[in-house]
Amino acid sequence: MRIAAQLYTVRQLGGLAAQLDLIRACGFADVETVGLHDLSPKHMALQVAQSGLTVRSAHFDWEEFETRFDDILTLLDLLNCPVAVMPWLAPQARPGTVAGWQDVADQLSAWAARLAGQGVRLAYHNHDFDLVGSVGETPLDLILAHDTLHWQPDIGWLAVSVPEPAAVLQRYAGRIVSVHAKDAEPASGQGDDRWRNLGQGVVDWPRLLRILNNSPCSDLFVEHDETPDHAETLRTGRKFLMGQMSSEVG
């Protein structure tokens, strides 16, 4: 598994070029992008190429898939990126019924079929709202009932949303393409105050990394939703995961 950086962590730092510069300065060679940065696919791909970083995965929200699918296809091709991820449904767009979530899953599967024609896999990224319900009946379960779809677990959201994150990971281990490596302290409340730099929260990383090592997971994307120190978060996360991978995975 490769240790990479997630651009959402540094979204407050100006334009794409500045974000990529910091990620490279913190020792990373790989990145996961977020959206299109108000750029054309050509100009976004050019900025990435100038950074020297490799895009291993790319996030696009539901609205971008609906309205800019051709641009997404073009960008993924220019970046030679093998994975696209749908990470977010706005609250007003979230279904309130099983049938509604099945419709979401059907649409994701249709997009996955189009992406597969370009050699790209489509993964779904969880938060908390999609983990609610009985085993087998959560929105995540309904989405992953489609074998055309893959999963990108957000470890931080699992840690604050379910009693046994390892059990959920193990249930769908064969569908995992990558993870958001994010730590948390659930006792700190309900908002962004819960997030921690890697190794400073409650996540049982040795146990989870052993599960991931026996899955198709290829990338660990360091992430923190609201860090007060972007460089510290990136450097701490990279160093922590390197140590864990060395001691627990080998």
Protein backbone atom coordinates (compact mmCIF):
# COMPACT_ATOMS: atom_id res chain seq x y z
CA MET A 1 0.00 0.00 0.00
CA ARG A 2 1.17 3.49 -0.88
CA ILE A 3 0.98 6.45 1.51
CA ALA A 4 -0.48 9.50 -0.22
CA ALA A 5 -2.12 12.84 0.60
CA GLN A 6 -5.74 13.89 0.21
CA LEU A 7 -6.21 17.40 -1.18
CA TYR A 8 -9.23 18.10 1.05
CA THR A 9 -6.77 18.44 3.92
CA VAL A 10 -5.15 21.50 2.34
CA ARG A 11 -8.15 23.04 0.59
CA GLN A 12 -7.81 26.33 2.55
CA LEU A 13 -4.30 27.05 1.20
CA GLY A 14 -5.17 28.86 -2.03
CA GLY A 15 -5.14 27.44 -5.53
CA LEU A 16 -4.33 23.95 -6.69
CA ALA A 17 -0.67 24.72 -7.39
CA ALA A 18 -0.08 25.95 -3.82
CA GLN A 19 -1.81 22.90 -2.37
CA LEU A 20 0.29 20.54 -4.46
CA ASP A 21 3.49 22.40 -3.56
CA LEU A 22 2.92 21.86 0.16
CA ILE A 23 2.07 18.20 -0.32
CA ARG A 24 5.29 17.65 -2.26
CA ALA A 25 7.29 19.59 0.35
CA CYS A 26 5.95 17.26 3.05
CA GLY A 27 7.48 14.24 1.34
CA PHE A 28 4.60 12.81 -0.67
CA ALA A 29 4.82 11.52 -4.22
CA ASP A 30 1.12 10.64 -4.63
CA VAL A 31 -2.12 12.51 -4.14
CA GLU A 32 -5.89 12.20 -4.35
CA THR A 33 -7.57 15.20 -5.97
CA VAL A 34 -10.90 16.83 -5.15
CA GLY A 35 -13.12 18.19 -7.92
CA LEU A 36 -12.00 20.34 -10.83
CA HIS A 37 -10.75 23.45 -8.97
CA ASP A 38 -12.61 25.79 -11.34
CA LEU A 39 -10.17 24.73 -14.06
CA SER A 40 -10.58 23.05 -17.40
CA PRO A 41 -9.43 19.42 -17.44
CA LYS A 42 -6.43 20.46 -19.55
CA HIS A 43 -5.30 23.21 -17.18
CA MET A 44 -5.85 21.09 -14.08
CA ALA A 45 -3.82 18.22 -15.57
CA LEU A 46 -1.07 20.70 -16.49
CA GLN A 47 -0.79 21.99 -12.93
CA VAL A 48 -0.62 18.45 -11.60
CA ALA A 49 2.09 17.56 -14.14
CA GLN A 50 4.11 20.61 -13.11
CA SER A 51 3.95 19.50 -9.46
CA GLY A 52 5.60 16.16 -10.21
CA LEU A 53 2.94 14.35 -8.16
CA THR A 54 0.99 11.31 -9.32
CA VAL A 55 -2.79 11.28 -9.00
CA ARG A 56 -3.78 7.88 -7.68
CA SER A 57 -7.47 8.67 -7.22
CA ALA A 58 -9.87 11.55 -7.85
CA HIS A 59 -12.97 12.72 -5.96
CA PHE A 60 -16.01 14.19 -7.69
CA ASP A 61 -19.25 14.87 -5.87
CA TRP A 62 -22.69 13.80 -7.08
CA GLU A 63 -23.45 17.08 -8.81
CA GLU A 64 -20.17 16.97 -10.73
CA PHE A 65 -20.96 13.47 -11.96
CA GLU A 66 -24.40 14.66 -13.04
CA THR A 67 -23.33 17.84 -14.84
CA ARG A 68 -19.68 17.39 -15.86
CA PHE A 69 -19.27 13.71 -16.62
CA ASP A 70 -17.47 14.32 -19.92
CA ASP A 71 -15.01 16.66 -18.21
CA ILE A 72 -14.41 14.01 -15.57
CA LEU A 73 -13.66 11.43 -18.24
CA THR A 74 -11.26 13.83 -19.97
CA LEU A 75 -9.47 14.71 -16.75
CA LEU A 76 -9.07 11.10 -15.64
CA ASP A 77 -7.61 10.28 -19.04
CA LEU A 78 -5.16 13.22 -18.93
CA LEU A 79 -4.10 12.30 -15.40
CA ASN A 80 -3.87 8.58 -16.20
CA CYS A 81 -5.89 8.15 -13.00
CA PRO A 82 -7.34 4.65 -12.43
CA VAL A 83 -9.89 5.39 -9.69
CA ALA A 84 -12.76 7.87 -9.36
CA VAL A 85 -14.61 8.31 -6.07
CA MET A 86 -18.07 9.71 -5.33
CA PRO A 87 -17.73 11.03 -1.80
CA TRP A 88 -20.67 13.28 -1.02
CA LEU A 89 -24.41 13.68 -1.27
CA ALA A 90 -25.75 16.99 0.02
CA PRO A 91 -28.28 16.57 2.87
CA GLN A 92 -31.21 17.60 0.67
CA ALA A 93 -30.22 14.95 -1.91
CA ARG A 94 -30.07 12.03 0.52
CA PRO A 95 -32.95 9.57 0.18
CA GLY A 96 -35.13 8.75 3.14
CA THR A 97 -36.12 5.27 1.96
CA VAL A 98 -34.52 2.00 0.96
CA ALA A 99 -35.92 2.43 -2.54
CA GLY A 100 -34.34 5.86 -2.76
CA TRP A 101 -30.92 4.52 -1.83
CA GLN A 102 -31.34 1.69 -4.31
CA ASP A 103 -31.88 4.36 -6.97
CA VAL A 104 -28.66 6.07 -5.87
CA ALA A 105 -26.85 2.75 -6.12
CA ASP A 106 -28.31 2.10 -9.58
CA GLN A 107 -27.08 5.49 -10.82
CA LEU A 108 -23.62 4.92 -9.35
CA SER A 109 -23.50 1.56 -11.07
CA ALA A 110 -24.44 3.16 -14.39
CA TRP A 111 -21.63 5.69 -13.99
CA ALA A 112 -19.29 2.85 -13.05
CA ALA A 113 -20.10 1.09 -16.33
CA ARG A 114 -19.20 4.21 -18.32
CA LEU A 115 -15.97 4.69 -16.39
CA ALA A 116 -15.04 1.03 -16.83
CA GLY A 117 -14.97 1.62 -20.57
CA GLN A 118 -12.02 3.93 -19.89
CA GLY A 119 -10.35 1.50 -17.50
CA VAL A 120 -11.40 3.44 -14.38
CA ARG A 121 -12.98 1.93 -11.27
CA LEU A 122 -15.67 3.85 -9.35
CA ALA A 123 -15.67 3.76 -5.55
CA TYR A 124 -18.07 5.14 -2.96
CA HIS A 125 -16.71 7.03 0.05
CA ASN A 126 -18.65 6.88 3.32
CA HIS A 127 -19.42 9.48 5.96
CA ASP A 128 -21.77 8.80 8.90
CA PHE A 129 -25.25 9.13 7.37
CA ASP A 130 -24.64 6.13 5.11
CA LEU A 131 -23.74 3.83 8.01
CA VAL A 132 -27.12 4.11 9.76
CA GLY A 133 -29.35 1.03 9.92
CA SER A 134 -29.25 -2.67 10.58
CA VAL A 135 -26.47 -4.82 9.16
CA GLY A 136 -27.19 -5.42 5.51
CA GLU A 137 -29.65 -2.52 5.29
CA THR A 138 -27.51 0.61 5.60
CA PRO A 139 -27.09 2.90 2.59
CA LEU A 140 -23.52 1.61 2.32
CA ASP A 141 -24.81 -1.97 2.19
CA LEU A 142 -27.32 -1.08 -0.52
CA ILE A 143 -24.65 0.65 -2.60
CA LEU A 144 -22.15 -2.17 -2.29
CA ALA A 145 -24.82 -4.68 -3.29
CA HIS A 146 -23.73 -3.67 -6.80
CA ASP A 147 -20.60 -5.64 -7.59
CA THR A 148 -19.56 -2.97 -10.10
CA LEU A 149 -18.92 -0.55 -7.25
CA HIS A 150 -15.93 -0.37 -4.93
CA TRP A 151 -15.46 1.21 -1.51
CA GLN A 152 -13.16 3.86 -0.11
CA PRO A 153 -13.64 3.70 3.69
CA ASP A 154 -13.12 6.87 5.69
CA ILE A 155 -11.53 5.49 8.83
CA GLY A 156 -12.31 8.61 10.87
CA TRP A 157 -16.01 8.46 10.07
CA LEU A 158 -16.09 4.75 10.86
CA ALA A 159 -14.43 5.47 14.22
CA VAL A 160 -17.08 8.00 15.25
CA SER A 161 -20.09 6.23 13.72
CA VAL A 162 -19.98 2.49 14.40
CA PRO A 163 -18.99 0.46 17.48
CA GLU A 164 -16.72 -1.95 15.55
CA PRO A 165 -14.99 -0.31 12.56
CA ALA A 166 -12.93 -3.43 12.00
CA ALA A 167 -16.07 -5.53 11.51
CA VAL A 168 -17.34 -3.22 8.76
CA LEU A 169 -13.93 -3.20 7.07
CA GLN A 170 -13.74 -6.97 7.22
CA ARG A 171 -17.27 -7.39 5.81
CA TYR A 172 -16.35 -5.52 2.64
CA ALA A 173 -12.59 -6.07 2.58
CA GLY A 174 -12.70 -7.44 -0.95
CA ARG A 175 -14.25 -4.20 -2.25
CA ILE A 176 -11.77 -1.71 -0.77
CA VAL A 177 -9.63 0.22 -3.26
CA SER A 178 -8.17 2.79 -0.84
CA VAL A 179 -8.91 4.49 2.48
CA HIS A 180 -8.94 7.94 3.99
CA ALA A 181 -6.51 7.57 6.86
CA LYS A 182 -8.04 9.88 9.46
CA ASP A 183 -7.96 9.62 13.25
CA ALA A 184 -10.60 10.72 15.72
CA GLU A 185 -11.51 11.26 19.36
CA PRO A 186 -15.27 10.62 19.52
CA ALA A 187 -15.55 11.89 23.10
CA SER A 188 -14.68 15.40 21.95
CA GLY A 189 -18.20 16.13 20.67
CA GLN A 190 -20.11 15.99 17.41
CA GLY A 191 -18.27 18.39 15.11
CA ASP A 192 -14.87 18.80 13.55
CA ASP A 193 -13.23 18.99 16.98
CA ARG A 194 -13.22 15.19 16.93
CA TRP A 195 -10.56 14.86 14.23
CA ARG A 196 -6.95 14.19 15.20
CA ASN A 197 -3.62 13.78 13.47
CA LEU A 198 -2.83 10.14 12.82
CA GLY A 199 -1.84 8.23 15.93
CA GLN A 200 -3.43 10.79 18.26
CA GLY A 201 -6.97 9.39 18.34
CA VAL A 202 -8.72 6.15 19.21
CA VAL A 203 -8.31 4.25 15.93
CA ASP A 204 -6.73 0.82 16.34
CA TRP A 205 -4.37 1.22 13.39
CA PRO A 206 -2.43 -2.05 13.79
CA ARG A 207 -5.67 -4.06 13.63
CA LEU A 208 -7.13 -2.10 10.72
CA LEU A 209 -3.92 -2.14 8.71
CA ARG A 210 -3.75 -5.92 9.00
CA ILE A 211 -7.25 -6.12 7.49
CA LEU A 212 -6.32 -3.67 4.75
CA ASN A 213 -3.13 -5.55 3.98
CA ASN A 214 -5.27 -8.57 3.15
CA SER A 215 -7.56 -6.58 0.88
CA PRO A 216 -7.14 -4.99 -2.57
CA CYS A 217 -6.50 -1.61 -0.87
CA SER A 218 -3.66 0.14 -2.72
CA ASP A 219 -3.55 3.61 -1.14
CA LEU A 220 -3.72 5.21 2.30
CA PHE A 221 -4.67 8.88 1.88
CA VAL A 222 -3.69 11.03 4.85
CA GLU A 223 -6.59 13.34 5.74
CA HIS A 224 -7.73 15.78 8.42
CA ASP A 225 -10.91 17.78 7.79
CA GLU A 226 -10.02 20.89 9.81
CA THR A 227 -6.36 20.86 10.80
CA PRO A 228 -4.87 24.00 12.37
CA ASP A 229 -1.45 23.10 10.94
CA HIS A 230 -1.53 21.58 7.46
CA ALA A 231 2.16 20.77 7.19
CA GLU A 232 2.25 19.17 10.64
CA THR A 233 -0.76 17.02 9.83
CA LEU A 234 0.75 15.83 6.56
CA ARG A 235 4.20 15.12 7.98
CA THR A 236 2.82 13.47 11.11
CA GLY A 237 0.47 11.30 9.07
CA ARG A 238 3.12 10.18 6.63
CA LYS A 239 5.62 9.38 9.40
CA PHE A 240 3.02 7.55 11.48
CA LEU A 241 1.81 5.35 8.62
CA MET A 242 5.36 4.56 7.53
CA GLY A 243 6.12 3.37 11.06
CA GLN A 244 2.93 1.35 11.29
CA MET A 245 3.45 -0.25 7.92
CA SER A 246 6.99 -1.19 8.85
CA SER A 247 6.12 -2.73 12.21
CA GLU A 248 2.68 -4.22 11.57
CA VAL A 249 2.54 -5.03 7.87
CA GLY A 250 6.13 -5.42 6.79
